[in-house]
C-alpha atoms as a PDB file:
ATOM      1  CA  UNK A   1     100.110  48.188 156.299  1.00  0.00           C
ATOM      2  CA  UNK A   2      97.247  49.973 157.813  1.00  0.00           C
ATOM      3  CA  UNK A   3      97.442  48.256 161.021  1.00  0.00           C
ATOM      4  CA  UNK A   4     101.056  49.308 161.376  1.00  0.00           C
ATOM      5  CA  UNK A   5      99.919  52.837 160.534  1.00  0.00           C
ATOM      6  CA  UNK A   6      97.419  52.493 163.199  1.00  0.00           C
ATOM      7  CA  UNK A   7      99.757  50.882 165.902  1.00  0.00           C
ATOM      8  CA  UNK A   8     102.406  53.748 165.124  1.00  0.00           C
ATOM      9  CA  UNK A   9     100.201  56.378 165.674  1.00  0.00           C
ATOM     10  CA  UNK A  10      98.901  54.691 169.205  1.00  0.00           C
ATOM     11  CA  UNK A  11     102.314  54.318 169.932  1.00  0.00           C
ATOM     12  CA  UNK A  12     103.043  58.150 169.375  1.00  0.00           C
ATOM     13  CA  UNK A  13      99.836  59.246 171.191  1.00  0.00           C
ATOM     14  CA  UNK A  14     100.912  56.951 174.291  1.00  0.00           C
ATOM     15  CA  UNK A  15     104.339  58.599 174.302  1.00  0.00           C
ATOM     16  CA  UNK A  16     103.016  62.178 174.519  1.00  0.00           C
ATOM     17  CA  UNK A  17     100.955  60.983 177.284  1.00  0.00           C
ATOM     18  CA  UNK A  18      97.693  60.413 175.653  1.00  0.00           C
ATOM     19  CA  UNK A  19      97.339  57.155 177.432  1.00  0.00           C
ATOM     20  CA  UNK A  20      98.933  54.258 179.718  1.00  0.00           C
ATOM     21  CA  UNK A  21     101.343  51.717 178.593  1.00  0.00           C
ATOM     22  CA  UNK A  22      98.518  49.011 179.168  1.00  0.00           C
ATOM     23  CA  UNK A  23      96.363  50.259 176.700  1.00  0.00           C
ATOM     24  CA  UNK A  24      98.847  49.909 173.901  1.00  0.00           C
ATOM     25  CA  UNK A  25      99.737  46.236 175.038  1.00  0.00           C
ATOM     26  CA  UNK A  26      95.937  45.279 175.269  1.00  0.00           C
ATOM     27  CA  UNK A  27      95.142  46.635 171.619  1.00  0.00           C
ATOM     28  CA  UNK A  28      95.041  43.726 169.170  1.00  0.00           C
ATOM     29  CA  UNK A  29      96.456  45.918 166.425  1.00  0.00           C
ATOM     30  CA  UNK A  30      99.746  46.397 168.385  1.00  0.00           C
ATOM     31  CA  UNK A  31      99.954  42.535 168.751  1.00  0.00           C
ATOM     32  CA  UNK A  32      99.249  42.118 165.146  1.00  0.00           C
ATOM     33  CA  UNK A  33     102.066  44.614 164.521  1.00  0.00           C
ATOM     34  CA  UNK A  34     104.353  42.582 166.951  1.00  0.00           C
ATOM     35  CA  UNK A  35     103.571  39.383 165.088  1.00  0.00           C
ATOM     36  CA  UNK A  36     104.288  40.930 161.761  1.00  0.00           C
ATOM     37  CA  UNK A  37     107.564  42.268 162.728  1.00  0.00           C
ATOM     38  CA  UNK A  38     108.689  38.810 164.620  1.00  0.00           C
ATOM     39  CA  UNK A  39     107.462  37.195 161.430  1.00  0.00           C
ATOM     40  CA  UNK A  40     109.450  39.510 158.947  1.00  0.00           C
ATOM     41  CA  UNK A  41     112.546  39.261 161.297  1.00  0.00           C
ATOM     42  CA  UNK A  42     112.554  35.293 161.372  1.00  0.00           C
ATOM     43  CA  UNK A  43     112.120  35.304 157.703  1.00  0.00           C
ATOM     44  CA  UNK A  44     115.208  37.686 157.274  1.00  0.00           C
ATOM     45  CA  UNK A  45     116.945  35.417 160.022  1.00  0.00           C
ATOM     46  CA  UNK A  46     116.342  32.416 157.853  1.00  0.00           C
ATOM     47  CA  UNK A  47     117.440  34.074 154.906  1.00  0.00           C
ATOM     48  CA  UNK A  48     114.107  33.413 153.098  1.00  0.00           C
ATOM     49  CA  UNK A  49     114.563  36.477 150.781  1.00  0.00           C
ATOM     50  CA  UNK A  50     117.719  34.882 149.338  1.00  0.00           C
ATOM     51  CA  UNK A  51     115.894  31.429 149.358  1.00  0.00           C
ATOM     52  CA  UNK A  52     113.121  33.057 147.366  1.00  0.00           C
ATOM     53  CA  UNK A  53     115.463  34.986 145.412  1.00  0.00           C
ATOM     54  CA  UNK A  54     117.493  31.715 144.496  1.00  0.00           C
ATOM     55  CA  UNK A  55     114.234  29.820 143.636  1.00  0.00           C
ATOM     56  CA  UNK A  56     113.396  32.814 141.302  1.00  0.00           C
ATOM     57  CA  UNK A  57     116.860  32.820 139.773  1.00  0.00           C
ATOM     58  CA  UNK A  58     116.362  29.008 139.296  1.00  0.00           C
ATOM     59  CA  UNK A  59     113.295  29.501 137.704  1.00  0.00           C
ATOM     60  CA  UNK A  60     114.586  32.422 135.531  1.00  0.00           C
ATOM     61  CA  UNK A  61     117.458  30.129 134.571  1.00  0.00           C
ATOM     62  CA  UNK A  62     114.977  27.427 133.785  1.00  0.00           C
ATOM     63  CA  UNK A  63     112.955  29.672 131.426  1.00  0.00           C
ATOM     64  CA  UNK A  64     115.990  31.028 129.864  1.00  0.00           C
ATOM     65  CA  UNK A  65     117.224  27.750 128.930  1.00  0.00           C
ATOM     66  CA  UNK A  66     113.644  26.712 127.651  1.00  0.00           C
ATOM     67  CA  UNK A  67     113.827  29.996 125.446  1.00  0.00           C
ATOM     68  CA  UNK A  68     117.273  28.811 124.222  1.00  0.00           C
ATOM     69  CA  UNK A  69     116.029  25.469 123.362  1.00  0.00           C
ATOM     70  CA  UNK A  70     112.941  27.228 121.698  1.00  0.00           C
ATOM     71  CA  UNK A  71     115.193  29.420 119.890  1.00  0.00           C
ATOM     72  CA  UNK A  72     117.276  26.582 118.742  1.00  0.00           C
ATOM     73  CA  UNK A  73     114.222  24.724 117.617  1.00  0.00           C
ATOM     74  CA  UNK A  74     113.033  27.802 115.763  1.00  0.00           C
ATOM     75  CA  UNK A  75     116.417  28.035 113.877  1.00  0.00           C
ATOM     76  CA  UNK A  76     116.467  24.056 113.201  1.00  0.00           C
ATOM     77  CA  UNK A  77     112.598  24.208 111.871  1.00  0.00           C
ATOM     78  CA  UNK A  78     113.689  27.328 109.638  1.00  0.00           C
ATOM     79  CA  UNK A  79     116.655  25.427 108.355  1.00  0.00           C
ATOM     80  CA  UNK A  80     114.363  22.484 107.500  1.00  0.00           C
ATOM     81  CA  UNK A  81     111.849  24.951 105.920  1.00  0.00           C
ATOM     82  CA  UNK A  82     114.587  26.335 103.638  1.00  0.00           C
ATOM     83  CA  UNK A  83     115.959  22.950 102.949  1.00  0.00           C
ATOM     84  CA  UNK A  84     112.504  21.886 101.977  1.00  0.00           C
ATOM     85  CA  UNK A  85     111.669  24.938 100.098  1.00  0.00           C
ATOM     86  CA  UNK A  86     115.129  24.244  98.151  1.00  0.00           C
ATOM     87  CA  UNK A  87     113.982  20.535  97.679  1.00  0.00           C
ATOM     88  CA  UNK A  88     110.565  21.862  96.459  1.00  0.00           C
ATOM     89  CA  UNK A  89     112.244  24.345  93.989  1.00  0.00           C
ATOM     90  CA  UNK A  90     114.110  21.702  92.742  1.00  0.00           C
ATOM     91  CA  UNK A  91     111.437  19.213  92.391  1.00  0.00           C
ATOM     92  CA  UNK A  92     109.470  21.880  90.453  1.00  0.00           C
ATOM     93  CA  UNK A  93     112.456  22.547  88.198  1.00  0.00           C
ATOM     94  CA  UNK A  94     112.576  18.991  87.519  1.00  0.00           C
ATOM     95  CA  UNK A  95     109.039  18.680  86.648  1.00  0.00           C
ATOM     96  CA  UNK A  96     109.467  21.774  84.328  1.00  0.00           C
ATOM     97  CA  UNK A  97     112.403  19.894  82.512  1.00  0.00           C
ATOM     98  CA  UNK A  98     110.393  16.689  82.548  1.00  0.00           C
ATOM     99  CA  UNK A  99     107.217  18.336  80.998  1.00  0.00           C
ATOM    100  CA  UNK A 100     109.749  20.392  78.585  1.00  0.00           C
ATOM    101  CA  UNK A 101     111.022  16.791  77.472  1.00  0.00           C
ATOM    102  CA  UNK A 102     107.924  15.169  77.188  1.00  0.00           C
ATOM    103  CA  UNK A 103     106.632  18.170  74.976  1.00  0.00           C
ATOM    104  CA  UNK A 104     109.572  17.708  72.721  1.00  0.00           C
ATOM    105  CA  UNK A 105     109.273  13.971  72.619  1.00  0.00           C
ATOM    106  CA  UNK A 106     105.745  14.413  71.883  1.00  0.00           C
ATOM    107  CA  UNK A 107     106.414  17.002  68.875  1.00  0.00           C
ATOM    108  CA  UNK A 108     109.067  14.767  67.675  1.00  0.00           C
ATOM    109  CA  UNK A 109     106.496  11.686  67.777  1.00  0.00           C
ATOM    110  CA  UNK A 110     103.921  13.768  66.137  1.00  0.00           C
ATOM    111  CA  UNK A 111     106.462  14.710  63.279  1.00  0.00           C
ATOM    112  CA  UNK A 112     107.577  11.234  62.788  1.00  0.00           C
ATOM    113  CA  UNK A 113     104.004  10.306  62.689  1.00  0.00           C
ATOM    114  CA  UNK A 114     103.097  12.882  60.144  1.00  0.00           C
ATOM    115  CA  UNK A 115     106.361  11.680  58.139  1.00  0.00           C
ATOM    116  CA  UNK A 116     105.246   8.048  58.484  1.00  0.00           C
ATOM    117  CA  UNK A 117     101.979   8.827  57.399  1.00  0.00           C
ATOM    118  CA  UNK A 118     102.933  10.773  54.440  1.00  0.00           C
ATOM    119  CA  UNK A 119     105.501   7.972  53.218  1.00  0.00           C
ATOM    120  CA  UNK A 120     102.570   5.567  53.957  1.00  0.00           C
ATOM    121  CA  UNK A 121     100.151   7.745  51.741  1.00  0.00           C
ATOM    122  CA  UNK A 122     102.925   7.930  49.260  1.00  0.00           C
ATOM    123  CA  UNK A 123     103.402   3.986  49.079  1.00  0.00           C
ATOM    124  CA  UNK A 124      99.605   3.495  48.947  1.00  0.00           C
ATOM    125  CA  UNK A 125      99.486   5.792  46.164  1.00  0.00           C
ATOM    126  CA  UNK A 126     102.264   4.236  44.222  1.00  0.00           C
ATOM    127  CA  UNK A 127     100.743   0.716  44.752  1.00  0.00           C
ATOM    128  CA  UNK A 128      97.357   2.006  43.619  1.00  0.00           C
ATOM    129  CA  UNK A 129      99.059   3.861  40.468  1.00  0.00           C
ATOM    130  CA  UNK A 130     101.041   0.234  39.954  1.00  0.00           C
ATOM    131  CA  UNK A 131      97.737  -1.537  40.202  1.00  0.00           C
ATOM    132  CA  UNK A 132      95.904   0.919  37.575  1.00  0.00           C
ATOM    133  CA  UNK A 133      99.007   0.722  35.336  1.00  0.00           C
ATOM    134  CA  UNK A 134      98.836  -3.272  35.650  1.00  0.00           C
ATOM    135  CA  UNK A 135      94.907  -3.232  35.276  1.00  0.00           C
ATOM    136  CA  UNK A 136      95.525  -0.802  32.410  1.00  0.00           C
ATOM    137  CA  UNK A 137      98.097  -3.126  30.669  1.00  0.00           C
ATOM    138  CA  UNK A 138      96.059  -6.314  31.157  1.00  0.00           C
ATOM    139  CA  UNK A 139      93.162  -4.417  29.661  1.00  0.00           C
ATOM    140  CA  UNK A 140      95.271  -3.377  26.733  1.00  0.00           C
ATOM    141  CA  UNK A 141      96.384  -6.762  26.617  1.00  0.00           C
ATOM    142  CA  UNK A 142      92.846  -8.056  26.510  1.00  0.00           C
ATOM    143  CA  UNK A 143      91.770  -5.728  24.076  1.00  0.00           C
ATOM    144  CA  UNK A 144      94.350  -6.648  21.689  1.00  0.00           C
ATOM    145  CA  UNK A 145      94.169 -10.317  22.040  1.00  0.00           C
ATOM    146  CA  UNK A 146      90.309  -9.722  21.475  1.00  0.00           C
ATOM    147  CA  UNK A 147      91.127  -7.632  18.357  1.00  0.00           C
ATOM    148  CA  UNK A 148      93.765 -10.046  17.185  1.00  0.00           C
ATOM    149  CA  UNK A 149      91.281 -12.858  17.767  1.00  0.00           C
ATOM    150  CA  UNK A 150      88.460 -10.707  16.149  1.00  0.00           C
ATOM    151  CA  UNK A 151      90.844  -9.769  13.137  1.00  0.00           C
ATOM    152  CA  UNK A 152      91.983 -13.615  12.999  1.00  0.00           C
ATOM    153  CA  UNK A 153      88.195 -14.858  12.857  1.00  0.00           C
ATOM    154  CA  UNK A 154      87.360 -12.021  10.414  1.00  0.00           C
ATOM    155  CA  UNK A 155      90.248 -13.031   8.125  1.00  0.00           C
ATOM    156  CA  UNK A 156      89.478 -16.799   8.614  1.00  0.00           C
ATOM    157  CA  UNK A 157      86.117 -16.041   7.463  1.00  0.00           C
ATOM    158  CA  UNK A 158      86.897 -13.649   4.612  1.00  0.00           C
ATOM    159  CA  UNK A 159      89.535 -16.232   3.378  1.00  0.00           C
ATOM    160  CA  UNK A 160      86.759 -18.952   3.618  1.00  0.00           C
ATOM    161  CA  UNK A 161      84.222 -17.175   1.809  1.00  0.00           C
ATOM    162  CA  UNK A 162      86.587 -15.859  -0.978  1.00  0.00           C
ATOM    163  CA  UNK A 163      88.965 -18.868  -1.449  1.00  0.00           C
ATOM    164  CA  UNK A 164      87.706 -22.060  -2.371  1.00  0.00           C
ATOM    165  CA  UNK A 165      90.058 -25.204  -2.708  1.00  0.00           C
ATOM    166  CA  UNK A 166      91.306 -24.287  -6.151  1.00  0.00           C
ATOM    167  CA  UNK A 167      92.742 -21.124  -4.678  1.00  0.00           C
ATOM    168  CA  UNK A 168      94.060 -22.856  -1.736  1.00  0.00           C
ATOM    169  CA  UNK A 169      96.004 -25.393  -3.940  1.00  0.00           C
ATOM    170  CA  UNK A 170      97.796 -22.288  -5.792  1.00  0.00           C
ATOM    171  CA  UNK A 171      98.795 -20.757  -2.266  1.00  0.00           C
ATOM    172  CA  UNK A 172      99.983 -24.065  -1.013  1.00  0.00           C
ATOM    173  CA  UNK A 173     101.920 -24.424  -4.199  1.00  0.00           C
ATOM    174  CA  UNK A 174     103.296 -20.810  -3.731  1.00  0.00           C
ATOM    175  CA  UNK A 175     104.407 -21.364  -0.151  1.00  0.00           C
ATOM    176  CA  UNK A 176     106.275 -24.449  -1.048  1.00  0.00           C
ATOM    177  CA  UNK A 177     107.984 -22.862  -4.348  1.00  0.00           C
ATOM    178  CA  UNK A 178     109.002 -19.974  -1.889  1.00  0.00           C
ATOM    179  CA  UNK A 179     110.517 -22.431   0.697  1.00  0.00           C
ATOM    180  CA  UNK A 180     112.088 -24.312  -2.104  1.00  0.00           C
ATOM    181  CA  UNK A 181     114.038 -21.210  -3.517  1.00  0.00           C
ATOM    182  CA  UNK A 182     115.287 -20.188   0.052  1.00  0.00           C
END
């Protein structure tokens, strides 16, 4: 751009009589400006700006396509995230339900175990009371038997000591007479 300004100023100076035409043509700045103008002219003639624009449009379309794909992927990801969050919430609800059922079942088992233990204690208590009653009855029978034996032994000893053969004969005669009357 600076070269083009320099060339234009030199050309203006030459037009006003500031120098010969040969001095402008021999200036390297003029040749650079001419080459640049020819180059830009060829670019316009070969429709380079249109090609560059088409290439840029193609690149813009590709980027727009990638952005739309990325947007679609983001929407899919959000959908999957929402789906998995719903599944997670459902799983958490099921876990809470399972925990509640397990706690209720545990409470039922504890209550049943308490009832079974109470029933077992009652049965064991009844069995112990029955054993005690049986032991008391057995002991009472043993005491009665021992008392009867002692009484029998004492009676036999008393009878033997107080009765002689004559008294025994009288008792036997009384018993026979009682049976004969009867």
